[in-house]
Amino acid sequence: DVGTPVIHAPGPQEGQTVAFFGPVVTPAPK
């Protein structure tokens, strides 16, 4: 039920991955 962007990031524990949609942001922070 989501599109892109999708991100898989390191989770809070070793070897864990957290997946989420977004962030949707404009303009891109520098």
PDB file of all heavy atoms in Angstrom:
ATOM      1  N   ASP A   1       0.823  -1.209   0.000  1.00  0.00           N
ATOM      2  CA  ASP A   1       0.000   0.000   0.000  1.00  0.00           C
ATOM      3  C   ASP A   1       0.856   1.259   0.000  1.00  0.00           C
ATOM      4  O   ASP A   1       0.362   2.354   0.220  1.00  0.00           O
ATOM      5  CB  ASP A   1      -0.960   0.013   1.195  1.00  0.00           C
ATOM      6  CG  ASP A   1      -0.234  -0.040   2.532  1.00  0.00           C
ATOM      7  OD1 ASP A   1       0.931  -0.468   2.545  1.00  0.00           O
ATOM      8  OD2 ASP A   1      -0.842   0.339   3.547  1.00  0.00           O
ATOM      9  N   VAL A   2       2.158   1.102  -0.240  1.00  0.00           N
ATOM     10  CA  VAL A   2       3.056   2.240  -0.393  1.00  0.00           C
ATOM     11  C   VAL A   2       3.791   2.094  -1.713  1.00  0.00           C
ATOM     12  O   VAL A   2       3.771   1.043  -2.347  1.00  0.00           O
ATOM     13  CB  VAL A   2       4.081   2.321   0.767  1.00  0.00           C
ATOM     14  CG1 VAL A   2       3.365   2.476   2.096  1.00  0.00           C
ATOM     15  CG2 VAL A   2       5.003   1.100   0.792  1.00  0.00           C
ATOM     16  N   GLY A   3       4.432   3.164  -2.137  1.00  0.00           N
ATOM     17  CA  GLY A   3       5.211   3.129  -3.369  1.00  0.00           C
ATOM     18  C   GLY A   3       6.685   3.257  -3.066  1.00  0.00           C
ATOM     19  O   GLY A   3       7.237   2.539  -2.261  1.00  0.00           O
ATOM     20  N   THR A   4       7.339   4.186  -3.729  1.00  0.00           N
ATOM     21  CA  THR A   4       8.761   4.438  -3.509  1.00  0.00           C
ATOM     22  C   THR A   4       8.924   5.900  -3.132  1.00  0.00           C
ATOM     23  O   THR A   4       8.123   6.728  -3.589  1.00  0.00           O
ATOM     24  CB  THR A   4       9.582   4.092  -4.774  1.00  0.00           C
ATOM     25  OG1 THR A   4      10.961   4.313  -4.530  1.00  0.00           O
ATOM     26  CG2 THR A   4       9.151   4.906  -5.977  1.00  0.00           C
ATOM     27  N   PRO A   5       9.845   6.247  -2.264  1.00  0.00           N
ATOM     28  CA  PRO A   5      11.013   5.485  -1.834  1.00  0.00           C
ATOM     29  C   PRO A   5      10.737   4.497  -0.707  1.00  0.00           C
ATOM     30  O   PRO A   5       9.899   4.743   0.152  1.00  0.00           O
ATOM     31  CB  PRO A   5      11.954   6.576  -1.313  1.00  0.00           C
ATOM     32  CG  PRO A   5      11.020   7.625  -0.781  1.00  0.00           C
ATOM     33  CD  PRO A   5       9.869   7.631  -1.753  1.00  0.00           C
ATOM     34  N   VAL A   6      11.463   3.396  -0.751  1.00  0.00           N
ATOM     35  CA  VAL A   6      11.489   2.424   0.349  1.00  0.00           C
ATOM     36  C   VAL A   6      12.927   2.295   0.806  1.00  0.00           C
ATOM     37  O   VAL A   6      13.849   2.220  -0.019  1.00  0.00           O
ATOM     38  CB  VAL A   6      10.931   1.063  -0.108  1.00  0.00           C
ATOM     39  CG1 VAL A   6      11.316  -0.044   0.862  1.00  0.00           C
ATOM     40  CG2 VAL A   6       9.412   1.141  -0.229  1.00  0.00           C
ATOM     41  N   ILE A   7      13.107   2.282   2.118  1.00  0.00           N
ATOM     42  CA  ILE A   7      14.438   2.209   2.710  1.00  0.00           C
ATOM     43  C   ILE A   7      14.505   1.053   3.700  1.00  0.00           C
ATOM     44  O   ILE A   7      13.575   0.856   4.482  1.00  0.00           O
ATOM     45  CB  ILE A   7      14.782   3.537   3.431  1.00  0.00           C
ATOM     46  CG1 ILE A   7      14.950   4.667   2.405  1.00  0.00           C
ATOM     47  CG2 ILE A   7      16.039   3.403   4.273  1.00  0.00           C
ATOM     48  CD1 ILE A   7      15.125   6.026   3.029  1.00  0.00           C
ATOM     49  N   HIS A   8      15.591   0.296   3.641  1.00  0.00           N
ATOM     50  CA  HIS A   8      15.904  -0.713   4.650  1.00  0.00           C
ATOM     51  C   HIS A   8      17.153  -0.220   5.382  1.00  0.00           C
ATOM     52  O   HIS A   8      18.211  -0.062   4.763  1.00  0.00           O
ATOM     53  CB  HIS A   8      16.198  -2.066   4.007  1.00  0.00           C
ATOM     54  CG  HIS A   8      15.012  -2.685   3.331  1.00  0.00           C
ATOM     55  ND1 HIS A   8      15.012  -3.998   2.905  1.00  0.00           N
ATOM     56  CD2 HIS A   8      13.797  -2.193   2.992  1.00  0.00           C
ATOM     57  CE1 HIS A   8      13.853  -4.275   2.336  1.00  0.00           C
ATOM     58  NE2 HIS A   8      13.100  -3.187   2.359  1.00  0.00           N
ATOM     59  N   ALA A   9      17.016   0.034   6.669  1.00  0.00           N
ATOM     60  CA  ALA A   9      18.089   0.638   7.454  1.00  0.00           C
ATOM     61  C   ALA A   9      18.487  -0.275   8.597  1.00  0.00           C
ATOM     62  O   ALA A   9      17.713  -1.136   9.021  1.00  0.00           O
ATOM     63  CB  ALA A   9      17.639   1.992   7.998  1.00  0.00           C
ATOM     64  N   PRO A  10      19.705  -0.087   9.140  1.00  0.00           N
ATOM     65  CA  PRO A  10      20.108  -0.876  10.307  1.00  0.00           C
ATOM     66  C   PRO A  10      19.162  -0.635  11.479  1.00  0.00           C
ATOM     67  O   PRO A  10      18.790   0.500  11.772  1.00  0.00           O
ATOM     68  CB  PRO A  10      21.512  -0.342  10.613  1.00  0.00           C
ATOM     69  CG  PRO A  10      21.994   0.261   9.340  1.00  0.00           C
ATOM     70  CD  PRO A  10      20.769   0.814   8.676  1.00  0.00           C
ATOM     71  N   GLY A  11      18.752  -1.719  12.137  1.00  0.00           N
ATOM     72  CA  GLY A  11      17.868  -1.625  13.288  1.00  0.00           C
ATOM     73  C   GLY A  11      18.628  -1.347  14.561  1.00  0.00           C
ATOM     74  O   GLY A  11      19.857  -1.251  14.566  1.00  0.00           O
ATOM     75  N   PRO A  12      17.897  -1.239  15.692  1.00  0.00           N
ATOM     76  CA  PRO A  12      18.537  -0.916  16.972  1.00  0.00           C
ATOM     77  C   PRO A  12      19.396  -2.039  17.533  1.00  0.00           C
ATOM     78  O   PRO A  12      20.231  -1.802  18.394  1.00  0.00           O
ATOM     79  CB  PRO A  12      17.345  -0.623  17.884  1.00  0.00           C
ATOM     80  CG  PRO A  12      16.198  -1.367  17.278  1.00  0.00           C
ATOM     81  CD  PRO A  12      16.431  -1.321  15.797  1.00  0.00           C
ATOM     82  N   GLN A  13      19.199  -3.258  17.043  1.00  0.00           N
ATOM     83  CA  GLN A  13      19.985  -4.387  17.520  1.00  0.00           C
ATOM     84  C   GLN A  13      20.861  -4.936  16.398  1.00  0.00           C
ATOM     85  O   GLN A  13      20.540  -4.804  15.214  1.00  0.00           O
ATOM     86  CB  GLN A  13      19.069  -5.495  18.064  1.00  0.00           C
ATOM     87  CG  GLN A  13      18.216  -5.055  19.241  1.00  0.00           C
ATOM     88  CD  GLN A  13      17.312  -6.170  19.736  1.00  0.00           C
ATOM     89  OE1 GLN A  13      17.372  -7.292  19.253  1.00  0.00           O
ATOM     90  NE2 GLN A  13      16.484  -5.859  20.717  1.00  0.00           N
ATOM     91  N   GLU A  14      21.968  -5.534  16.759  1.00  0.00           N
ATOM     92  CA  GLU A  14      22.917  -6.085  15.798  1.00  0.00           C
ATOM     93  C   GLU A  14      22.230  -7.067  14.859  1.00  0.00           C
ATOM     94  O   GLU A  14      21.525  -7.980  15.294  1.00  0.00           O
ATOM     95  CB  GLU A  14      24.051  -6.802  16.545  1.00  0.00           C
ATOM     96  CG  GLU A  14      25.158  -7.316  15.651  1.00  0.00           C
ATOM     97  CD  GLU A  14      26.037  -6.214  15.094  1.00  0.00           C
ATOM     98  OE1 GLU A  14      26.092  -5.128  15.713  1.00  0.00           O
ATOM     99  OE2 GLU A  14      26.666  -6.449  14.051  1.00  0.00           O
ATOM    100  N   GLY A  15      22.411  -6.857  13.560  1.00  0.00           N
ATOM    101  CA  GLY A  15      21.848  -7.744  12.566  1.00  0.00           C
ATOM    102  C   GLY A  15      20.391  -7.486  12.235  1.00  0.00           C
ATOM    103  O   GLY A  15      19.822  -8.164  11.376  1.00  0.00           O
ATOM    104  N   GLN A  16      19.785  -6.510  12.875  1.00  0.00           N
ATOM    105  CA  GLN A  16      18.371  -6.209  12.648  1.00  0.00           C
ATOM    106  C   GLN A  16      18.235  -5.144  11.562  1.00  0.00           C
ATOM    107  O   GLN A  16      19.068  -4.250  11.431  1.00  0.00           O
ATOM    108  CB  GLN A  16      17.722  -5.700  13.936  1.00  0.00           C
ATOM    109  CG  GLN A  16      16.210  -5.486  13.839  1.00  0.00           C
ATOM    110  CD  GLN A  16      15.637  -4.978  15.147  1.00  0.00           C
ATOM    111  OE1 GLN A  16      16.284  -4.235  15.875  1.00  0.00           O
ATOM    112  NE2 GLN A  16      14.424  -5.379  15.456  1.00  0.00           N
ATOM    113  N   THR A  17      17.184  -5.266  10.778  1.00  0.00           N
ATOM    114  CA  THR A  17      16.896  -4.291   9.731  1.00  0.00           C
ATOM    115  C   THR A  17      15.510  -3.711   9.949  1.00  0.00           C
ATOM    116  O   THR A  17      14.574  -4.432  10.290  1.00  0.00           O
ATOM    117  CB  THR A  17      16.970  -4.933   8.337  1.00  0.00           C
ATOM    118  OG1 THR A  17      18.289  -5.430   8.115  1.00  0.00           O
ATOM    119  CG2 THR A  17      16.655  -3.920   7.244  1.00  0.00           C
ATOM    120  N   VAL A  18      15.386  -2.410   9.747  1.00  0.00           N
ATOM    121  CA  VAL A  18      14.102  -1.724   9.824  1.00  0.00           C
ATOM    122  C   VAL A  18      13.755  -1.223   8.428  1.00  0.00           C
ATOM    123  O   VAL A  18      14.572  -0.559   7.784  1.00  0.00           O
ATOM    124  CB  VAL A  18      14.157  -0.539  10.810  1.00  0.00           C
ATOM    125  CG1 VAL A  18      12.831   0.198  10.824  1.00  0.00           C
ATOM    126  CG2 VAL A  18      14.518  -1.023  12.204  1.00  0.00           C
ATOM    127  N   ALA A  19      12.569  -1.562   7.935  1.00  0.00           N
ATOM    128  CA  ALA A  19      12.137  -1.148   6.603  1.00  0.00           C
ATOM    129  C   ALA A  19      10.990  -0.152   6.717  1.00  0.00           C
ATOM    130  O   ALA A  19      10.105  -0.305   7.550  1.00  0.00           O
ATOM    131  CB  ALA A  19      11.697  -2.368   5.792  1.00  0.00           C
ATOM    132  N   PHE A  20      11.022   0.865   5.860  1.00  0.00           N
ATOM    133  CA  PHE A  20       9.954   1.868   5.901  1.00  0.00           C
ATOM    134  C   PHE A  20       9.829   2.575   4.559  1.00  0.00           C
ATOM    135  O   PHE A  20      10.748   2.551   3.738  1.00  0.00           O
ATOM    136  CB  PHE A  20      10.189   2.885   7.022  1.00  0.00           C
ATOM    137  CG  PHE A  20      11.533   3.562   7.000  1.00  0.00           C
ATOM    138  CD1 PHE A  20      11.747   4.707   6.254  1.00  0.00           C
ATOM    139  CD2 PHE A  20      12.590   3.060   7.736  1.00  0.00           C
ATOM    140  CE1 PHE A  20      12.975   5.345   6.238  1.00  0.00           C
ATOM    141  CE2 PHE A  20      13.833   3.682   7.729  1.00  0.00           C
ATOM    142  CZ  PHE A  20      14.022   4.840   6.975  1.00  0.00           C
ATOM    143  N   PHE A  21       8.675   3.178   4.340  1.00  0.00           N
ATOM    144  CA  PHE A  21       8.422   4.040   3.185  1.00  0.00           C
ATOM    145  C   PHE A  21       8.800   5.462   3.556  1.00  0.00           C
ATOM    146  O   PHE A  21       8.465   5.940   4.632  1.00  0.00           O
ATOM    147  CB  PHE A  21       6.941   3.977   2.803  1.00  0.00           C
ATOM    148  CG  PHE A  21       6.527   5.086   1.856  1.00  0.00           C
ATOM    149  CD1 PHE A  21       6.907   5.056   0.526  1.00  0.00           C
ATOM    150  CD2 PHE A  21       5.760   6.147   2.311  1.00  0.00           C
ATOM    151  CE1 PHE A  21       6.526   6.080  -0.343  1.00  0.00           C
ATOM    152  CE2 PHE A  21       5.374   7.159   1.451  1.00  0.00           C
ATOM    153  CZ  PHE A  21       5.750   7.127   0.124  1.00  0.00           C
ATOM    154  N   GLY A  22       9.495   6.139   2.644  1.00  0.00           N
ATOM    155  CA  GLY A  22       9.857   7.531   2.884  1.00  0.00           C
ATOM    156  C   GLY A  22      11.295   7.663   3.342  1.00  0.00           C
ATOM    157  O   GLY A  22      12.081   6.725   3.220  1.00  0.00           O
ATOM    158  N   PRO A  23      11.645   8.819   3.900  1.00  0.00           N
ATOM    159  CA  PRO A  23      10.776   9.980   4.069  1.00  0.00           C
ATOM    160  C   PRO A  23      10.522  10.711   2.742  1.00  0.00           C
ATOM    161  O   PRO A  23      11.359  10.688   1.856  1.00  0.00           O
ATOM    162  CB  PRO A  23      11.579  10.878   5.019  1.00  0.00           C
ATOM    163  CG  PRO A  23      13.003  10.540   4.721  1.00  0.00           C
ATOM    164  CD  PRO A  23      13.007   9.073   4.399  1.00  0.00           C
ATOM    165  N   VAL A  24       9.353  11.318   2.658  1.00  0.00           N
ATOM    166  CA  VAL A  24       9.013  12.167   1.529  1.00  0.00           C
ATOM    167  C   VAL A  24       9.345  13.595   1.942  1.00  0.00           C
ATOM    168  O   VAL A  24       8.759  14.119   2.888  1.00  0.00           O
ATOM    169  CB  VAL A  24       7.517  12.024   1.170  1.00  0.00           C
ATOM    170  CG1 VAL A  24       7.137  13.006   0.072  1.00  0.00           C
ATOM    171  CG2 VAL A  24       7.218  10.593   0.746  1.00  0.00           C
ATOM    172  N   VAL A  25      10.295  14.209   1.274  1.00  0.00           N
ATOM    173  CA  VAL A  25      10.785  15.513   1.702  1.00  0.00           C
ATOM    174  C   VAL A  25      11.160  16.364   0.494  1.00  0.00           C
ATOM    175  O   VAL A  25      11.635  15.845  -0.512  1.00  0.00           O
ATOM    176  CB  VAL A  25      12.009  15.347   2.641  1.00  0.00           C
ATOM    177  CG1 VAL A  25      13.142  14.636   1.937  1.00  0.00           C
ATOM    178  CG2 VAL A  25      12.465  16.670   3.218  1.00  0.00           C
ATOM    179  N   THR A  26      10.894  17.648   0.591  1.00  0.00           N
ATOM    180  CA  THR A  26      11.280  18.582  -0.464  1.00  0.00           C
ATOM    181  C   THR A  26      11.455  19.977   0.112  1.00  0.00           C
ATOM    182  O   THR A  26      10.644  20.402   0.939  1.00  0.00           O
ATOM    183  CB  THR A  26      10.244  18.610  -1.605  1.00  0.00           C
ATOM    184  OG1 THR A  26      10.766  19.392  -2.689  1.00  0.00           O
ATOM    185  CG2 THR A  26       8.908  19.186  -1.178  1.00  0.00           C
ATOM    186  N   PRO A  27      12.534  20.670  -0.235  1.00  0.00           N
ATOM    187  CA  PRO A  27      13.673  20.169  -1.006  1.00  0.00           C
ATOM    188  C   PRO A  27      14.518  19.218  -0.168  1.00  0.00           C
ATOM    189  O   PRO A  27      14.301  19.100   1.042  1.00  0.00           O
ATOM    190  CB  PRO A  27      14.452  21.451  -1.333  1.00  0.00           C
ATOM    191  CG  PRO A  27      14.129  22.379  -0.204  1.00  0.00           C
ATOM    192  CD  PRO A  27      12.702  22.086   0.170  1.00  0.00           C
ATOM    193  N   ALA A  28      15.475  18.550  -0.791  1.00  0.00           N
ATOM    194  CA  ALA A  28      16.328  17.609  -0.067  1.00  0.00           C
ATOM    195  C   ALA A  28      17.246  18.368   0.885  1.00  0.00           C
ATOM    196  O   ALA A  28      17.968  19.262   0.456  1.00  0.00           O
ATOM    197  CB  ALA A  28      17.157  16.796  -1.063  1.00  0.00           C
ATOM    198  N   PRO A  29      17.220  18.056   2.178  1.00  0.00           N
ATOM    199  CA  PRO A  29      18.111  18.738   3.132  1.00  0.00           C
ATOM    200  C   PRO A  29      19.574  18.520   2.783  1.00  0.00           C
ATOM    201  O   PRO A  29      19.952  17.481   2.253  1.00  0.00           O
ATOM    202  CB  PRO A  29      17.757  18.096   4.473  1.00  0.00           C
ATOM    203  CG  PRO A  29      16.412  17.477   4.277  1.00  0.00           C
ATOM    204  CD  PRO A  29      16.365  17.065   2.845  1.00  0.00           C
ATOM    205  N   LYS A  30      20.379  19.506   3.116  1.00  0.00           N
ATOM    206  CA  LYS A  30      21.804  19.448   2.822  1.00  0.00           C
ATOM    207  C   LYS A  30      22.604  19.427   4.131  1.00  0.00           C
ATOM    208  O   LYS A  30      22.155  19.908   5.161  1.00  0.00           O
ATOM    209  CB  LYS A  30      22.243  20.666   2.001  1.00  0.00           C
ATOM    210  CG  LYS A  30      21.474  20.871   0.710  1.00  0.00           C
ATOM    211  CD  LYS A  30      21.822  19.820  -0.316  1.00  0.00           C
ATOM    212  CE  LYS A  30      21.351  20.202  -1.711  1.00  0.00           C
ATOM    213  NZ  LYS A  30      19.896  20.343  -1.820  1.00  0.00           N
TER     214      LYS A  30
END
